[in-house]
Amino acid sequence: MKAKNFHPGDSLKTIEDAIMQAKTERTGARFYYILWGLLMLLHYTLLYVTARYPALNGGLADTLIYIVFPVGGLLSYFRSRKDAKKETVIPHFEKVYLYGFSGFALSYGIIFIASVYSIPELPVSLFPLLLGLAVFVTGGITKFMPSVICGIAGIICTGISLNTELETRYALAALSSFIVCVIPGYLMKNKHV
C-alpha cells in the first residue's frame, strides 16, 4: 500500500474551505427578527390603541397585549428545536445574535421591573433605544448594513419620543419594532447573516 504524500497546500485549502463554509452558513436570525418584530409591533400598537381609547381597556385588547410574549416564546422554542435537529454546523454569527439579543432582553427586563417602582413610562421610552442598539451592534459585527441603518433609526425614535405623551411613545415603539426588526429580517432573505 502506497502512503499519500503530505502537501501543506492541500491542508491550507481544506482549512480555507471550512472557514468559508462556516462564514456562509445561514443563521435563524431572519425568522426571529420578523417574528419578534411583528409581535412587538402588535404589542405596542395595542398599547397605543388602549391608551388612545380607554373604553377598550379591560377586554380582549388587554389580554392580547401580554399574550404576545408567551406566544413568541413558544414559537421561538419550537423553531429552535426544529433548527437543532437539522443543523450540522452552528454558524459563527449565531453566538453574536444570541448574546446581542440576550443582553437586550435582560436589560429591558430589568428596566421593566424597575419601572414598577419608579417611572412607569421608562420601558416604552427606552425600548427603541435598547432594540436599536442590539440591532446596530449585531449588524455591525455581521457587516449587514440594513441592520446598522435600521438600528440607528430605532435609536432616533427614542430621541423623538422623550418629550412626548405616552400614547405617542407607544406609537414610536411600534414603529421602531417594524423598522428595526421586520425590515432587516425581510432583507436577510438572501444574505448569510
Protein backbone atom coordinates (compact mmCIF):
# COMPACT_ATOMS: atom_id res chain seq x y z
CA MET A 1 0.00 0.00 0.00
CA LYS A 2 1.38 3.33 -1.03
CA ALA A 3 1.33 6.20 1.53
CA LYS A 4 -0.08 9.54 0.47
CA ASN A 5 2.33 12.41 0.27
CA PHE A 6 1.61 15.29 2.61
CA HIS A 7 1.14 18.62 0.84
CA PRO A 8 0.87 21.70 3.06
CA GLY A 9 -1.07 23.47 0.33
CA ASP A 10 -3.82 20.84 0.50
CA SER A 11 -4.15 21.31 4.27
CA LEU A 12 -4.43 25.07 3.90
CA LYS A 13 -7.04 24.63 1.18
CA THR A 14 -9.08 22.37 3.46
CA ILE A 15 -8.89 24.91 6.28
CA GLU A 16 -9.87 27.75 3.94
CA ASP A 17 -12.84 25.75 2.65
CA ALA A 18 -14.01 25.02 6.21
CA ILE A 19 -13.76 28.71 7.16
CA MET A 20 -15.65 29.79 4.05
CA GLN A 21 -18.39 27.24 4.71
CA ALA A 22 -18.75 28.46 8.31
CA LYS A 23 -18.98 32.06 7.10
CA THR A 24 -21.68 31.26 4.56
CA GLU A 25 -23.92 29.15 6.83
CA ARG A 26 -27.20 30.91 7.39
CA THR A 27 -28.40 31.69 10.88
CA GLY A 28 -32.02 31.62 12.00
CA ALA A 29 -31.88 35.36 12.65
CA ARG A 30 -34.28 36.21 9.84
CA PHE A 31 -37.11 34.20 11.41
CA TYR A 32 -36.59 35.69 14.87
CA TYR A 33 -36.26 39.26 13.58
CA ILE A 34 -39.55 39.03 11.72
CA LEU A 35 -41.37 37.08 14.45
CA TRP A 36 -40.39 39.33 17.33
CA GLY A 37 -40.64 42.49 15.25
CA LEU A 38 -44.25 41.68 14.36
CA LEU A 39 -45.11 40.59 17.92
CA MET A 40 -43.66 43.77 19.42
CA LEU A 41 -45.39 45.81 16.73
CA LEU A 42 -48.68 44.19 17.78
CA HIS A 43 -47.88 44.67 21.49
CA TYR A 44 -47.12 48.39 21.22
CA THR A 45 -49.91 49.04 18.73
CA LEU A 46 -52.42 47.54 21.17
CA LEU A 47 -50.95 49.64 23.99
CA TYR A 48 -51.31 52.70 21.78
CA VAL A 49 -54.93 51.86 20.93
CA THR A 50 -55.91 51.24 24.57
CA ALA A 51 -54.15 54.45 25.67
CA ARG A 52 -55.90 56.43 22.94
CA TYR A 53 -59.30 54.79 23.51
CA PRO A 54 -59.60 53.95 27.24
CA ALA A 55 -63.02 52.34 26.70
CA LEU A 56 -61.18 49.35 25.19
CA ASN A 57 -59.31 48.65 28.45
CA GLY A 58 -60.21 45.55 30.39
CA GLY A 59 -61.28 43.43 27.45
CA LEU A 60 -59.73 41.32 24.75
CA ALA A 61 -57.16 44.03 23.97
CA ASP A 62 -55.64 43.76 27.47
CA THR A 63 -55.31 40.00 27.09
CA LEU A 64 -53.72 40.29 23.65
CA ILE A 65 -51.25 42.94 24.88
CA TYR A 66 -49.43 40.48 27.10
CA ILE A 67 -50.15 37.17 25.36
CA VAL A 68 -47.64 38.08 22.65
CA PHE A 69 -44.73 37.23 24.95
CA PRO A 70 -45.69 33.60 25.72
CA VAL A 71 -46.74 33.07 22.09
CA GLY A 72 -43.41 34.44 20.88
CA GLY A 73 -41.55 32.34 23.41
CA LEU A 74 -43.33 29.16 22.29
CA LEU A 75 -42.80 29.87 18.59
CA SER A 76 -39.12 30.64 19.25
CA TYR A 77 -38.73 27.45 21.28
CA PHE A 78 -40.32 25.26 18.60
CA ARG A 79 -38.22 26.89 15.87
CA SER A 80 -35.00 26.43 17.82
CA ARG A 81 -35.84 22.75 18.38
CA LYS A 82 -36.52 22.31 14.66
CA ASP A 83 -33.26 24.05 13.75
CA ALA A 84 -31.28 21.98 16.26
CA LYS A 85 -32.47 18.76 14.60
CA LYS A 86 -31.24 19.69 11.15
CA GLU A 87 -28.16 21.81 11.99
CA THR A 88 -24.89 20.08 11.30
CA VAL A 89 -22.79 23.20 11.82
CA ILE A 90 -23.62 26.07 14.16
CA PRO A 91 -22.98 29.27 12.21
CA HIS A 92 -20.41 31.68 13.61
CA PHE A 93 -22.85 34.59 13.82
CA GLU A 94 -25.34 32.54 15.84
CA LYS A 95 -23.50 33.50 19.05
CA VAL A 96 -23.43 37.15 18.03
CA TYR A 97 -27.22 37.18 17.83
CA LEU A 98 -27.58 35.10 20.99
CA TYR A 99 -25.50 37.43 23.13
CA GLY A 100 -26.72 40.64 21.48
CA PHE A 101 -30.39 39.89 21.98
CA SER A 102 -29.93 38.21 25.35
CA GLY A 103 -28.34 41.46 26.52
CA PHE A 104 -31.29 43.38 25.10
CA ALA A 105 -33.84 41.11 26.82
CA LEU A 106 -32.02 41.20 30.16
CA SER A 107 -31.68 45.00 30.08
CA TYR A 108 -35.28 45.50 29.05
CA GLY A 109 -36.48 43.11 31.76
CA ILE A 110 -34.54 44.98 34.45
CA ILE A 111 -35.89 48.31 33.21
CA PHE A 112 -39.42 46.89 33.15
CA ILE A 113 -39.14 45.65 36.75
CA ALA A 114 -37.57 48.93 37.89
CA SER A 115 -40.39 50.87 36.26
CA VAL A 116 -42.90 49.24 38.61
CA TYR A 117 -41.19 51.07 41.49
CA SER A 118 -40.22 54.33 39.82
CA ILE A 119 -41.08 55.69 36.36
CA PRO A 120 -43.85 53.68 34.63
CA GLU A 121 -43.10 55.19 31.19
CA LEU A 122 -39.44 54.17 31.28
CA PRO A 123 -39.70 50.83 29.41
CA VAL A 124 -41.65 52.22 26.47
CA SER A 125 -39.29 55.20 26.27
CA LEU A 126 -36.13 53.08 26.27
CA PHE A 127 -37.42 50.14 24.21
CA PRO A 128 -36.49 51.62 20.79
CA LEU A 129 -33.07 52.62 22.15
CA LEU A 130 -32.22 49.16 23.50
CA LEU A 131 -33.59 47.35 20.46
CA GLY A 132 -31.87 49.77 18.11
CA LEU A 133 -28.54 49.29 19.90
CA ALA A 134 -28.84 45.48 19.78
CA VAL A 135 -29.59 45.52 16.04
CA PHE A 136 -26.96 48.18 15.35
CA VAL A 137 -24.22 46.19 17.12
CA THR A 138 -25.17 42.80 15.64
CA GLY A 139 -25.46 44.42 12.21
CA GLY A 140 -22.01 45.95 12.59
CA ILE A 141 -20.42 42.66 13.64
CA THR A 142 -22.12 40.70 10.85
CA LYS A 143 -21.45 43.52 8.36
CA PHE A 144 -25.12 43.70 7.44
CA MET A 145 -25.66 47.41 6.71
CA PRO A 146 -29.50 47.37 6.69
CA SER A 147 -29.35 46.34 10.37
CA VAL A 148 -26.92 49.14 11.16
CA ILE A 149 -29.10 51.75 9.44
CA CYS A 150 -32.36 50.45 10.93
CA GLY A 151 -30.72 50.24 14.37
CA ILE A 152 -29.85 53.93 14.12
CA ALA A 153 -33.47 54.65 13.16
CA GLY A 154 -34.62 52.89 16.36
CA ILE A 155 -32.23 54.96 18.44
CA ILE A 156 -33.58 58.12 16.81
CA CYS A 157 -37.14 57.03 17.72
CA THR A 158 -36.13 57.16 21.38
CA GLY A 159 -34.75 60.67 20.94
CA ILE A 160 -38.01 61.78 19.34
CA SER A 161 -40.18 60.14 22.00
CA LEU A 162 -38.57 61.60 25.11
CA ASN A 163 -40.73 64.73 25.35
CA THR A 164 -43.98 63.28 24.03
CA GLU A 165 -47.16 61.90 25.54
CA LEU A 166 -47.34 58.24 26.49
CA GLU A 167 -49.54 57.24 23.56
CA THR A 168 -47.05 58.80 21.14
CA ARG A 169 -44.28 56.79 22.80
CA TYR A 170 -46.31 53.64 22.21
CA ALA A 171 -46.73 54.57 18.55
CA LEU A 172 -42.99 55.23 18.17
CA ALA A 173 -42.15 51.94 19.91
CA ALA A 174 -44.48 50.11 17.48
CA LEU A 175 -42.90 51.93 14.54
CA SER A 176 -39.39 51.11 15.75
CA SER A 177 -40.34 47.42 16.11
CA PHE A 178 -41.20 47.40 12.43
CA ILE A 179 -38.22 49.44 11.26
CA VAL A 180 -35.59 47.84 13.48
CA CYS A 181 -36.65 44.18 13.19
CA VAL A 182 -39.08 43.46 10.38
CA ILE A 183 -37.30 45.41 7.65
CA PRO A 184 -33.80 43.94 8.30
CA GLY A 185 -35.38 40.49 8.79
CA TYR A 186 -37.03 40.71 5.41
CA LEU A 187 -33.79 41.94 3.80
CA MET A 188 -31.86 38.98 5.27
CA LYS A 189 -33.59 36.64 2.85
CA ASN A 190 -30.64 36.16 0.53
CA LYS A 191 -27.85 37.08 2.95
CA HIS A 192 -25.71 34.86 5.14
CA VAL A 193 -26.21 36.70 8.42
